[in-house]
Amino acid sequence: MKYRELRRSALARARRARRTAAYTAAEVLMSLAVLAVGIVGILASEKVTVASNQHAKNLAIATHIAQSWLGVLDAEAALWDTSGGLTLTTWLAQGVGVNTWFRPNYSGTIDFGPAFDALGNPVTALNQAQNARFCADLRLSPLTANNTGGGMMRAEVRVVWLRNESILGGTAVAPTQACSVVAASVDSADNSRLFHFVYMSSAVRQVGI
């Protein structure tokens, strides 16, 4: 008799333990909901991280392009002769008398121009429409009146690249590549929304020959 009571008592305790250990349907659904919210948050943060990394990469490439252009213009000043002439130069001569941004010509001699691909490599004029991810514009301003041996010129470089999600407005049309918009119109109210910008400037000194 005592054995049966003990057995029934043990079975009752086991049933109670099973009931308290089990999850209800409401608890399972709540757990799944919390899990779903966590997964969505992780995916959203991952998307932001990827976009931030891509922007940082583009910013670094654009900065390198701007520095390269300043170096090229500084080197070209060696061809700025002591009579004040710039006829031997390629891009300094192109900026004479231009008081606004202009897009430099592509030079096949040194394989360098305004367009660059996604890795920052120069793009030829022929392949510009397909591969231009970055575009460089120049603006040159004289700093001295004497250009016969000690002339100086302010050189500004602007590198632009397209936003991943363009914010269109007004008459702006999403460009197909970075050099699609003419230099004088890039910073207009409508077109400036389409691009990221990097600006750098330096002084170019007349070396003279």
N, C-alpha and C. Protein backbone atom coordinates (compact mmCIF):
# COMPACT_ATOMS: atom_id res chain seq x y z
N MET A 1 0.85 -1.21 0.00
CA MET A 1 0.00 0.00 0.00
C MET A 1 0.87 1.24 0.00
N LYS A 2 1.86 1.24 0.84
CA LYS A 2 2.75 2.39 0.93
C LYS A 2 3.51 2.58 -0.39
N TYR A 3 3.84 1.44 -1.05
CA TYR A 3 4.57 1.52 -2.32
C TYR A 3 3.72 2.20 -3.38
N ARG A 4 2.41 1.84 -3.42
CA ARG A 4 1.51 2.43 -4.42
C ARG A 4 1.37 3.94 -4.21
N GLU A 5 1.26 4.34 -2.96
CA GLU A 5 1.13 5.77 -2.67
C GLU A 5 2.39 6.53 -3.09
N LEU A 6 3.50 5.91 -2.78
CA LEU A 6 4.76 6.55 -3.18
C LEU A 6 4.86 6.66 -4.70
N ARG A 7 4.41 5.61 -5.40
CA ARG A 7 4.48 5.60 -6.86
C ARG A 7 3.55 6.66 -7.43
N ARG A 8 2.31 6.75 -6.88
CA ARG A 8 1.38 7.76 -7.36
C ARG A 8 1.92 9.16 -7.09
N SER A 9 2.52 9.35 -5.93
CA SER A 9 3.09 10.65 -5.58
C SER A 9 4.21 11.03 -6.53
N ALA A 10 5.04 10.05 -6.89
CA ALA A 10 6.15 10.31 -7.82
C ALA A 10 5.63 10.66 -9.21
N LEU A 11 4.59 9.91 -9.65
CA LEU A 11 4.01 10.20 -10.96
C LEU A 11 3.37 11.58 -10.99
N ALA A 12 2.73 11.97 -9.91
CA ALA A 12 2.09 13.30 -9.84
C ALA A 12 3.15 14.39 -9.91
N ARG A 13 4.25 14.18 -9.18
CA ARG A 13 5.34 15.18 -9.22
C ARG A 13 5.93 15.29 -10.63
N ALA A 14 6.05 14.14 -11.31
CA ALA A 14 6.60 14.15 -12.67
C ALA A 14 5.69 14.90 -13.63
N ARG A 15 4.35 14.67 -13.47
CA ARG A 15 3.41 15.39 -14.35
C ARG A 15 3.46 16.89 -14.11
N ARG A 16 3.55 17.29 -12.82
CA ARG A 16 3.63 18.72 -12.51
C ARG A 16 4.92 19.33 -13.07
N ALA A 17 6.01 18.55 -13.00
CA ALA A 17 7.29 19.05 -13.51
C ALA A 17 7.22 19.25 -15.03
N ARG A 18 6.54 18.28 -15.73
CA ARG A 18 6.41 18.41 -17.18
C ARG A 18 5.57 19.62 -17.55
N ARG A 19 4.51 19.88 -16.77
CA ARG A 19 3.63 21.02 -17.06
C ARG A 19 4.38 22.34 -16.86
N THR A 20 5.18 22.44 -15.78
CA THR A 20 5.88 23.69 -15.51
C THR A 20 7.06 23.90 -16.46
N ALA A 21 7.65 22.78 -17.00
CA ALA A 21 8.80 22.90 -17.90
C ALA A 21 8.38 23.25 -19.32
N ALA A 22 7.18 23.00 -19.72
CA ALA A 22 6.72 23.23 -21.09
C ALA A 22 6.45 24.72 -21.32
N TYR A 23 6.56 25.14 -22.61
CA TYR A 23 6.25 26.51 -22.99
C TYR A 23 4.86 26.57 -23.58
N THR A 24 4.18 27.66 -23.29
CA THR A 24 2.87 27.86 -23.89
C THR A 24 3.04 28.43 -25.29
N ALA A 25 1.98 28.37 -26.09
CA ALA A 25 2.03 28.89 -27.45
C ALA A 25 2.31 30.39 -27.45
N ALA A 26 1.75 31.10 -26.48
CA ALA A 26 1.98 32.55 -26.40
C ALA A 26 3.44 32.86 -26.14
N GLU A 27 4.07 32.07 -25.27
CA GLU A 27 5.49 32.29 -24.98
C GLU A 27 6.35 32.02 -26.20
N VAL A 28 6.01 30.97 -26.95
CA VAL A 28 6.77 30.65 -28.16
C VAL A 28 6.65 31.77 -29.18
N LEU A 29 5.43 32.29 -29.38
CA LEU A 29 5.21 33.37 -30.34
C LEU A 29 5.95 34.63 -29.94
N MET A 30 5.93 34.94 -28.63
CA MET A 30 6.65 36.12 -28.15
C MET A 30 8.15 35.97 -28.39
N SER A 31 8.68 34.79 -28.17
CA SER A 31 10.11 34.54 -28.39
C SER A 31 10.48 34.71 -29.86
N LEU A 32 9.60 34.19 -30.74
CA LEU A 32 9.85 34.33 -32.17
C LEU A 32 9.80 35.79 -32.61
N ALA A 33 8.88 36.55 -32.02
CA ALA A 33 8.78 37.97 -32.36
C ALA A 33 10.03 38.73 -31.95
N VAL A 34 10.51 38.45 -30.75
CA VAL A 34 11.75 39.10 -30.28
C VAL A 34 12.92 38.72 -31.18
N LEU A 35 12.99 37.45 -31.57
CA LEU A 35 14.05 36.99 -32.46
C LEU A 35 13.99 37.69 -33.81
N ALA A 36 12.76 37.83 -34.34
CA ALA A 36 12.60 38.50 -35.64
C ALA A 36 13.04 39.95 -35.58
N VAL A 37 12.67 40.65 -34.50
CA VAL A 37 13.10 42.05 -34.34
C VAL A 37 14.62 42.14 -34.27
N GLY A 38 15.25 41.22 -33.56
CA GLY A 38 16.70 41.22 -33.46
C GLY A 38 17.37 40.99 -34.80
N ILE A 39 16.84 40.06 -35.59
CA ILE A 39 17.41 39.77 -36.92
C ILE A 39 17.27 40.97 -37.84
N VAL A 40 16.10 41.63 -37.81
CA VAL A 40 15.90 42.82 -38.64
C VAL A 40 16.89 43.92 -38.25
N GLY A 41 17.09 44.09 -36.95
CA GLY A 41 18.05 45.11 -36.50
C GLY A 41 19.46 44.81 -36.95
N ILE A 42 19.85 43.54 -36.88
CA ILE A 42 21.20 43.15 -37.33
C ILE A 42 21.37 43.40 -38.81
N LEU A 43 20.36 43.03 -39.61
CA LEU A 43 20.44 43.24 -41.06
C LEU A 43 20.51 44.72 -41.40
N ALA A 44 19.73 45.53 -40.68
CA ALA A 44 19.74 46.97 -40.94
C ALA A 44 21.10 47.58 -40.59
N SER A 45 21.67 47.19 -39.47
CA SER A 45 22.98 47.71 -39.08
C SER A 45 24.07 47.25 -40.05
N GLU A 46 23.93 46.02 -40.57
CA GLU A 46 24.90 45.53 -41.54
C GLU A 46 24.84 46.35 -42.83
N LYS A 47 23.65 46.72 -43.25
CA LYS A 47 23.49 47.53 -44.46
C LYS A 47 24.14 48.90 -44.27
N VAL A 48 23.94 49.51 -43.09
CA VAL A 48 24.55 50.81 -42.80
C VAL A 48 26.06 50.69 -42.77
N THR A 49 26.57 49.60 -42.20
CA THR A 49 28.02 49.39 -42.12
C THR A 49 28.63 49.26 -43.51
N VAL A 50 27.98 48.49 -44.37
CA VAL A 50 28.48 48.31 -45.74
C VAL A 50 28.49 49.64 -46.48
N ALA A 51 27.40 50.42 -46.35
CA ALA A 51 27.33 51.72 -47.02
C ALA A 51 28.39 52.67 -46.49
N SER A 52 28.62 52.66 -45.18
CA SER A 52 29.63 53.54 -44.58
C SER A 52 31.03 53.17 -45.05
N ASN A 53 31.30 51.87 -45.13
CA ASN A 53 32.61 51.42 -45.60
C ASN A 53 32.84 51.81 -47.05
N GLN A 54 31.79 51.68 -47.88
CA GLN A 54 31.91 52.05 -49.28
C GLN A 54 32.16 53.54 -49.44
N HIS A 55 31.45 54.34 -48.64
CA HIS A 55 31.65 55.79 -48.71
C HIS A 55 33.05 56.17 -48.27
N ALA A 56 33.55 55.53 -47.21
CA ALA A 56 34.90 55.81 -46.74
C ALA A 56 35.93 55.45 -47.82
N LYS A 57 35.71 54.35 -48.51
CA LYS A 57 36.60 53.94 -49.60
C LYS A 57 36.57 54.96 -50.72
N ASN A 58 35.37 55.39 -51.13
CA ASN A 58 35.25 56.39 -52.19
C ASN A 58 35.90 57.71 -51.80
N LEU A 59 35.73 58.10 -50.54
CA LEU A 59 36.33 59.34 -50.06
C LEU A 59 37.85 59.27 -50.13
N ALA A 60 38.41 58.14 -49.75
CA ALA A 60 39.86 57.97 -49.80
C ALA A 60 40.37 58.02 -51.24
N ILE A 61 39.64 57.37 -52.16
CA ILE A 61 40.04 57.37 -53.57
C ILE A 61 39.95 58.77 -54.15
N ALA A 62 38.85 59.48 -53.85
CA ALA A 62 38.68 60.84 -54.37
C ALA A 62 39.77 61.77 -53.84
N THR A 63 40.14 61.61 -52.58
CA THR A 63 41.21 62.43 -52.00
C THR A 63 42.54 62.15 -52.70
N HIS A 64 42.80 60.89 -52.99
CA HIS A 64 44.03 60.52 -53.70
C HIS A 64 44.04 61.12 -55.11
N ILE A 65 42.89 61.11 -55.78
CA ILE A 65 42.81 61.69 -57.12
C ILE A 65 43.09 63.19 -57.07
N ALA A 66 42.49 63.87 -56.10
CA ALA A 66 42.72 65.32 -55.97
C ALA A 66 44.19 65.61 -55.70
N GLN A 67 44.83 64.83 -54.84
CA GLN A 67 46.24 65.02 -54.56
C GLN A 67 47.09 64.77 -55.80
N SER A 68 46.70 63.77 -56.59
CA SER A 68 47.43 63.48 -57.82
C SER A 68 47.35 64.65 -58.80
N TRP A 69 46.16 65.25 -58.90
CA TRP A 69 46.01 66.38 -59.80
C TRP A 69 46.83 67.58 -59.34
N LEU A 70 46.85 67.84 -58.05
CA LEU A 70 47.68 68.94 -57.55
C LEU A 70 49.15 68.68 -57.83
N GLY A 71 49.58 67.43 -57.71
CA GLY A 71 50.96 67.09 -58.03
C GLY A 71 51.27 67.29 -59.50
N VAL A 72 50.35 66.92 -60.36
CA VAL A 72 50.55 67.09 -61.80
C VAL A 72 50.64 68.57 -62.16
N LEU A 73 49.75 69.40 -61.60
CA LEU A 73 49.78 70.83 -61.88
C LEU A 73 51.06 71.48 -61.36
N ASP A 74 51.51 71.02 -60.20
CA ASP A 74 52.74 71.56 -59.64
C ASP A 74 53.93 71.21 -60.54
N ALA A 75 53.93 69.98 -61.05
CA ALA A 75 55.01 69.57 -61.95
C ALA A 75 54.94 70.32 -63.27
N GLU A 76 53.72 70.60 -63.73
CA GLU A 76 53.56 71.29 -65.01
C GLU A 76 54.06 72.74 -64.94
N ALA A 77 54.14 73.28 -63.73
CA ALA A 77 54.63 74.65 -63.57
C ALA A 77 56.08 74.79 -64.03
N ALA A 78 56.79 73.67 -64.17
CA ALA A 78 58.16 73.71 -64.69
C ALA A 78 58.18 74.17 -66.14
N LEU A 79 57.03 74.08 -66.81
CA LEU A 79 56.94 74.52 -68.21
C LEU A 79 56.37 75.93 -68.34
N TRP A 80 56.15 76.58 -67.20
CA TRP A 80 55.66 77.97 -67.18
C TRP A 80 56.88 78.86 -67.36
N ASP A 81 57.07 79.38 -68.58
CA ASP A 81 58.35 80.05 -68.89
C ASP A 81 58.42 81.44 -68.27
N THR A 82 59.63 81.98 -68.23
CA THR A 82 59.88 83.24 -67.54
C THR A 82 59.30 84.45 -68.26
N SER A 83 58.83 84.24 -69.46
CA SER A 83 58.14 85.34 -70.16
C SER A 83 56.66 85.38 -69.80
N GLY A 84 56.23 84.46 -68.96
CA GLY A 84 54.83 84.41 -68.54
C GLY A 84 53.97 83.52 -69.41
N GLY A 85 54.58 82.89 -70.41
CA GLY A 85 53.80 82.05 -71.31
C GLY A 85 53.51 80.67 -70.75
N LEU A 86 52.33 80.17 -71.10
CA LEU A 86 51.91 78.84 -70.67
C LEU A 86 51.67 77.92 -71.86
N THR A 87 52.21 78.30 -73.00
CA THR A 87 51.93 77.55 -74.22
C THR A 87 52.47 76.13 -74.18
N LEU A 88 53.50 75.89 -73.38
CA LEU A 88 54.07 74.55 -73.29
C LEU A 88 53.31 73.66 -72.32
N THR A 89 52.43 74.25 -71.55
CA THR A 89 51.67 73.46 -70.58
C THR A 89 50.39 72.93 -71.20
N THR A 90 49.81 71.94 -70.55
CA THR A 90 48.56 71.35 -71.04
C THR A 90 47.35 71.91 -70.32
N TRP A 91 47.37 71.83 -68.99
CA TRP A 91 46.17 72.19 -68.22
C TRP A 91 46.26 73.59 -67.64
N LEU A 92 47.45 74.08 -67.32
CA LEU A 92 47.55 75.46 -66.86
C LEU A 92 47.13 76.42 -67.97
N ALA A 93 47.50 76.10 -69.19
CA ALA A 93 47.10 76.94 -70.32
C ALA A 93 45.59 76.87 -70.55
N GLN A 94 45.01 75.71 -70.28
CA GLN A 94 43.57 75.57 -70.48
C GLN A 94 42.77 76.43 -69.51
N GLY A 95 43.36 76.73 -68.34
CA GLY A 95 42.64 77.51 -67.34
C GLY A 95 42.86 79.00 -67.43
N VAL A 96 43.69 79.46 -68.37
CA VAL A 96 43.95 80.90 -68.51
C VAL A 96 42.67 81.63 -68.91
N GLY A 97 42.33 82.66 -68.16
CA GLY A 97 41.15 83.46 -68.48
C GLY A 97 39.83 82.81 -68.10
N VAL A 98 39.87 81.61 -67.53
CA VAL A 98 38.64 80.92 -67.10
C VAL A 98 38.46 81.18 -65.61
N ASN A 99 37.38 81.82 -65.25
CA ASN A 99 37.16 82.21 -63.85
C ASN A 99 36.23 81.26 -63.10
N THR A 100 35.93 80.12 -63.70
CA THR A 100 35.04 79.16 -63.07
C THR A 100 35.64 77.76 -63.22
N TRP A 101 34.92 76.77 -62.74
CA TRP A 101 35.40 75.40 -62.87
C TRP A 101 35.40 74.97 -64.32
N PHE A 102 36.43 74.23 -64.71
CA PHE A 102 36.47 73.67 -66.06
C PHE A 102 36.97 72.23 -65.97
N ARG A 103 36.61 71.44 -66.96
CA ARG A 103 37.01 70.04 -66.99
C ARG A 103 38.27 69.90 -67.85
N PRO A 104 39.36 69.44 -67.28
CA PRO A 104 40.61 69.35 -68.04
C PRO A 104 40.53 68.31 -69.15
N ASN A 105 41.28 68.55 -70.20
CA ASN A 105 41.33 67.62 -71.32
C ASN A 105 42.09 66.36 -70.94
N TYR A 106 41.76 65.27 -71.60
CA TYR A 106 42.52 64.03 -71.41
C TYR A 106 43.81 64.11 -72.22
N SER A 107 44.91 63.69 -71.61
CA SER A 107 46.21 63.68 -72.28
C SER A 107 46.63 62.24 -72.54
N GLY A 108 46.69 61.89 -73.81
CA GLY A 108 47.14 60.55 -74.15
C GLY A 108 48.63 60.37 -73.95
N THR A 109 49.36 61.48 -73.87
CA THR A 109 50.81 61.41 -73.70
C THR A 109 51.17 60.81 -72.34
N ILE A 110 50.48 61.25 -71.30
CA ILE A 110 50.77 60.72 -69.96
C ILE A 110 49.61 59.88 -69.42
N ASP A 111 48.61 59.64 -70.27
CA ASP A 111 47.46 58.80 -69.88
C ASP A 111 46.82 59.32 -68.61
N PHE A 112 46.40 60.58 -68.65
CA PHE A 112 45.83 61.22 -67.47
C PHE A 112 44.77 62.22 -67.92
N GLY A 113 43.69 62.29 -67.18
CA GLY A 113 42.61 63.20 -67.54
C GLY A 113 41.62 63.37 -66.42
N PRO A 114 40.39 63.78 -66.71
CA PRO A 114 39.42 64.06 -65.66
C PRO A 114 38.73 62.84 -65.09
N ALA A 115 38.67 61.73 -65.84
CA ALA A 115 37.87 60.58 -65.44
C ALA A 115 38.73 59.49 -64.82
N PHE A 116 38.17 58.83 -63.79
CA PHE A 116 38.86 57.75 -63.08
C PHE A 116 37.86 56.63 -62.79
N ASP A 117 38.37 55.40 -62.76
CA ASP A 117 37.48 54.27 -62.51
C ASP A 117 37.26 54.06 -61.01
N ALA A 118 36.61 52.96 -60.66
CA ALA A 118 36.23 52.70 -59.26
C ALA A 118 37.42 52.52 -58.35
N LEU A 119 38.60 52.21 -58.90
CA LEU A 119 39.80 52.03 -58.09
C LEU A 119 40.72 53.25 -58.13
N GLY A 120 40.28 54.31 -58.85
CA GLY A 120 41.09 55.51 -58.93
C GLY A 120 42.10 55.52 -60.05
N ASN A 121 41.97 54.59 -61.00
CA ASN A 121 42.86 54.57 -62.15
C ASN A 121 42.33 55.49 -63.25
N PRO A 122 43.20 56.21 -63.96
CA PRO A 122 42.73 57.09 -65.03
C PRO A 122 41.98 56.33 -66.11
N VAL A 123 40.94 56.96 -66.62
CA VAL A 123 40.12 56.37 -67.68
C VAL A 123 40.34 57.18 -68.95
N THR A 124 40.56 56.51 -70.06
CA THR A 124 40.76 57.20 -71.33
C THR A 124 39.48 57.89 -71.76
N ALA A 125 39.62 58.88 -72.64
CA ALA A 125 38.45 59.60 -73.14
C ALA A 125 37.49 58.66 -73.85
N LEU A 126 38.04 57.63 -74.51
CA LEU A 126 37.22 56.68 -75.25
C LEU A 126 36.34 55.85 -74.32
N ASN A 127 36.86 55.51 -73.14
CA ASN A 127 36.13 54.64 -72.20
C ASN A 127 35.43 55.41 -71.09
N GLN A 128 35.40 56.71 -71.20
CA GLN A 128 34.86 57.54 -70.12
C GLN A 128 33.40 57.23 -69.84
N ALA A 129 32.59 57.10 -70.88
CA ALA A 129 31.15 56.89 -70.69
C ALA A 129 30.85 55.60 -69.94
N GLN A 130 31.69 54.58 -70.12
CA GLN A 130 31.42 53.28 -69.48
C GLN A 130 32.05 53.15 -68.11
N ASN A 131 33.20 53.79 -67.88
CA ASN A 131 33.98 53.47 -66.68
C ASN A 131 34.21 54.61 -65.71
N ALA A 132 33.76 55.83 -66.02
CA ALA A 132 34.06 56.97 -65.15
C ALA A 132 33.22 56.90 -63.87
N ARG A 133 33.88 56.60 -62.75
CA ARG A 133 33.22 56.61 -61.44
C ARG A 133 33.54 57.88 -60.67
N PHE A 134 34.68 58.50 -60.98
CA PHE A 134 35.09 59.76 -60.37
C PHE A 134 35.43 60.74 -61.48
N CYS A 135 35.20 62.02 -61.22
CA CYS A 135 35.49 63.04 -62.23
C CYS A 135 36.14 64.24 -61.54
N ALA A 136 37.21 64.75 -62.14
CA ALA A 136 37.96 65.87 -61.56
C ALA A 136 37.78 67.13 -62.40
N ASP A 137 37.53 68.24 -61.72
CA ASP A 137 37.44 69.56 -62.35
C ASP A 137 38.49 70.47 -61.72
N LEU A 138 38.91 71.49 -62.47
CA LEU A 138 39.94 72.41 -62.01
C LEU A 138 39.42 73.84 -62.02
N ARG A 139 40.04 74.66 -61.17
CA ARG A 139 39.80 76.10 -61.19
C ARG A 139 41.12 76.78 -60.83
N LEU A 140 41.59 77.66 -61.71
CA LEU A 140 42.88 78.32 -61.53
C LEU A 140 42.68 79.82 -61.38
N SER A 141 43.39 80.40 -60.41
CA SER A 141 43.28 81.84 -60.16
C SER A 141 44.67 82.41 -59.94
N PRO A 142 45.04 83.51 -60.64
CA PRO A 142 46.36 84.11 -60.43
C PRO A 142 46.46 84.72 -59.03
N LEU A 143 47.62 84.56 -58.42
CA LEU A 143 47.88 85.13 -57.10
C LEU A 143 48.85 86.30 -57.17
N THR A 144 49.56 86.43 -58.27
CA THR A 144 50.53 87.52 -58.44
C THR A 144 50.34 88.16 -59.81
N ALA A 145 50.69 89.43 -59.89
CA ALA A 145 50.61 90.13 -61.17
C ALA A 145 51.87 89.89 -62.01
N ASN A 146 52.97 89.59 -61.35
CA ASN A 146 54.23 89.36 -62.05
C ASN A 146 54.35 87.89 -62.42
N ASN A 147 54.32 87.58 -63.71
CA ASN A 147 54.43 86.21 -64.18
C ASN A 147 55.70 86.00 -65.01
N THR A 148 56.74 86.79 -64.73
CA THR A 148 57.96 86.69 -65.52
C THR A 148 59.12 86.13 -64.70
N GLY A 149 58.79 85.30 -63.76
CA GLY A 149 59.85 84.65 -62.98
C GLY A 149 59.43 84.28 -61.58
N GLY A 150 58.43 84.92 -61.04
CA GLY A 150 57.99 84.61 -59.68
C GLY A 150 56.50 84.49 -59.57
N GLY A 151 55.87 84.08 -60.65
CA GLY A 151 54.42 83.99 -60.65
C GLY A 151 53.89 82.87 -59.78
N MET A 152 52.69 83.09 -59.25
CA MET A 152 52.02 82.06 -58.47
C MET A 152 50.56 82.01 -58.87
N MET A 153 50.01 80.83 -58.80
CA MET A 153 48.64 80.60 -59.21
C MET A 153 47.98 79.68 -58.19
N ARG A 154 46.77 80.00 -57.83
CA ARG A 154 46.02 79.10 -56.95
C ARG A 154 45.36 78.03 -57.79
N ALA A 155 45.62 76.79 -57.43
CA ALA A 155 45.03 75.65 -58.14
C ALA A 155 44.05 74.93 -57.24
N GLU A 156 42.81 74.81 -57.68
CA GLU A 156 41.77 74.10 -56.93
C GLU A 156 41.34 72.87 -57.72
N VAL A 157 41.16 71.79 -57.01
CA VAL A 157 40.69 70.54 -57.62
C VAL A 157 39.41 70.11 -56.93
N ARG A 158 38.44 69.76 -57.72
CA ARG A 158 37.16 69.24 -57.20
C ARG A 158 36.94 67.86 -57.81
N VAL A 159 36.81 66.86 -56.95
CA VAL A 159 36.54 65.50 -57.42
C VAL A 159 35.12 65.12 -57.00
N VAL A 160 34.35 64.63 -57.95
CA VAL A 160 32.96 64.28 -57.67
C VAL A 160 32.71 62.81 -58.01
N TRP A 161 31.76 62.21 -57.31
CA TRP A 161 31.29 60.88 -57.66
C TRP A 161 29.81 60.80 -57.30
N LEU A 162 29.11 59.93 -57.99
CA LEU A 162 27.65 59.85 -57.85
C LEU A 162 27.25 59.26 -56.50
N ARG A 163 26.16 59.78 -55.97
CA ARG A 163 25.57 59.19 -54.77
C ARG A 163 24.95 57.84 -55.15
N ASN A 164 24.92 56.92 -54.19
CA ASN A 164 24.31 55.62 -54.46
C ASN A 164 22.82 55.74 -54.72
N GLU A 165 22.16 56.63 -53.97
CA GLU A 165 20.74 56.87 -54.17
C GLU A 165 20.57 58.36 -54.39
N SER A 166 20.47 58.75 -55.66
CA SER A 166 20.40 60.16 -56.00
C SER A 166 19.09 60.77 -55.52
N ILE A 167 19.19 61.97 -54.97
CA ILE A 167 18.01 62.72 -54.54
C ILE A 167 17.67 63.70 -55.65
N LEU A 168 16.71 63.35 -56.44
CA LEU A 168 16.37 64.16 -57.60
C LEU A 168 15.43 65.29 -57.21
N GLY A 169 15.53 66.37 -57.91
CA GLY A 169 14.65 67.50 -57.66
C GLY A 169 14.80 68.52 -58.76
N GLY A 170 13.78 69.31 -58.99
CA GLY A 170 13.84 70.32 -60.03
C GLY A 170 14.04 69.70 -61.40
N THR A 171 15.02 70.23 -62.14
CA THR A 171 15.27 69.75 -63.49
C THR A 171 16.41 68.74 -63.55
N ALA A 172 16.92 68.32 -62.39
CA ALA A 172 18.06 67.41 -62.37
C ALA A 172 17.68 66.04 -62.92
N VAL A 173 18.56 65.46 -63.70
CA VAL A 173 18.38 64.13 -64.25
C VAL A 173 19.55 63.28 -63.79
N ALA A 174 19.26 62.09 -63.32
CA ALA A 174 20.32 61.22 -62.80
C ALA A 174 21.35 60.96 -63.89
N PRO A 175 22.60 61.35 -63.69
CA PRO A 175 23.63 61.12 -64.71
C PRO A 175 24.01 59.66 -64.80
N THR A 176 24.52 59.26 -65.94
CA THR A 176 24.91 57.87 -66.15
C THR A 176 26.30 57.59 -65.63
N GLN A 177 27.16 58.60 -65.54
CA GLN A 177 28.51 58.43 -65.02
C GLN A 177 28.99 59.76 -64.46
N ALA A 178 30.12 59.74 -63.75
CA ALA A 178 30.54 60.90 -62.97
C ALA A 178 30.81 62.15 -63.80
N CYS A 179 31.22 61.98 -65.04
CA CYS A 179 31.55 63.14 -65.88
C CYS A 179 30.41 63.55 -66.81
N SER A 180 29.20 63.04 -66.55
CA SER A 180 28.07 63.36 -67.43
C SER A 180 27.67 64.83 -67.38
N VAL A 181 27.73 65.43 -66.19
CA VAL A 181 27.32 66.82 -66.00
C VAL A 181 28.51 67.73 -66.28
N VAL A 182 28.31 68.77 -67.07
CA VAL A 182 29.41 69.68 -67.40
C VAL A 182 29.90 70.36 -66.13
N ALA A 183 31.17 70.74 -66.14
CA ALA A 183 31.83 71.25 -64.94
C ALA A 183 31.13 72.47 -64.36
N ALA A 184 30.70 73.39 -65.22
CA ALA A 184 30.10 74.64 -64.75
C ALA A 184 28.76 74.41 -64.06
N SER A 185 28.13 73.24 -64.28
CA SER A 185 26.79 72.98 -63.74
C SER A 185 26.78 71.98 -62.59
N VAL A 186 27.94 71.41 -62.25
CA VAL A 186 27.98 70.37 -61.22
C VAL A 186 27.47 70.89 -59.88
N ASP A 187 27.87 72.14 -59.51
CA ASP A 187 27.50 72.66 -58.19
C ASP A 187 26.23 73.50 -58.21
N SER A 188 25.41 73.36 -59.25
CA SER A 188 24.12 74.06 -59.27
C SER A 188 23.20 73.45 -58.22
N ALA A 189 22.13 74.15 -57.90
CA ALA A 189 21.23 73.71 -56.83
C ALA A 189 20.67 72.32 -57.09
N ASP A 190 20.36 72.02 -58.35
CA ASP A 190 19.78 70.72 -58.68
C ASP A 190 20.85 69.63 -58.76
N ASN A 191 21.91 69.89 -59.50
CA ASN A 191 22.91 68.85 -59.75
C ASN A 191 23.76 68.52 -58.54
N SER A 192 23.94 69.47 -57.63
CA SER A 192 24.79 69.20 -56.47
C SER A 192 24.21 68.10 -55.58
N ARG A 193 22.91 67.85 -55.71
CA ARG A 193 22.30 66.79 -54.92
C ARG A 193 22.68 65.39 -55.42
N LEU A 194 23.21 65.32 -56.61
CA LEU A 194 23.51 64.03 -57.22
C LEU A 194 24.90 63.51 -56.87
N PHE A 195 25.75 64.37 -56.30
CA PHE A 195 27.16 64.03 -56.15
C PHE A 195 27.65 64.14 -54.71
N HIS A 196 28.73 63.40 -54.45
CA HIS A 196 29.60 63.66 -53.31
C HIS A 196 30.77 64.47 -53.83
N PHE A 197 31.38 65.30 -52.97
CA PHE A 197 32.44 66.20 -53.39
C PHE A 197 33.66 66.08 -52.48
N VAL A 198 34.83 66.25 -53.08
CA VAL A 198 36.08 66.46 -52.35
C VAL A 198 36.77 67.66 -52.98
N TYR A 199 37.16 68.65 -52.16
CA TYR A 199 37.85 69.84 -52.64
C TYR A 199 39.25 69.88 -52.04
N MET A 200 40.23 70.23 -52.87
CA MET A 200 41.58 70.47 -52.39
C MET A 200 42.18 71.63 -53.18
N SER A 201 43.07 72.36 -52.55
CA SER A 201 43.69 73.49 -53.24
C SER A 201 45.15 73.61 -52.83
N SER A 202 45.92 74.28 -53.69
CA SER A 202 47.34 74.50 -53.42
C SER A 202 47.80 75.68 -54.26
N ALA A 203 49.02 76.12 -54.02
CA ALA A 203 49.60 77.21 -54.81
C ALA A 203 50.61 76.60 -55.79
N VAL A 204 50.48 76.97 -57.05
CA VAL A 204 51.39 76.52 -58.09
C VAL A 204 52.36 77.66 -58.38
N ARG A 205 53.65 77.37 -58.28
CA ARG A 205 54.67 78.41 -58.44
C ARG A 205 55.36 78.28 -59.80
N GLN A 206 55.57 79.41 -60.42
CA GLN A 206 56.25 79.44 -61.70
C GLN A 206 57.72 79.09 -61.50
N VAL A 207 58.13 78.01 -62.14
CA VAL A 207 59.52 77.59 -62.05
C VAL A 207 60.34 78.30 -63.12
N GLY A 208 59.82 78.32 -64.33
CA GLY A 208 60.46 79.06 -65.41
C GLY A 208 61.52 78.29 -66.14
N ILE A 209 61.53 78.43 -67.48
CA ILE A 209 62.55 77.82 -68.31
C ILE A 209 63.09 78.83 -69.28
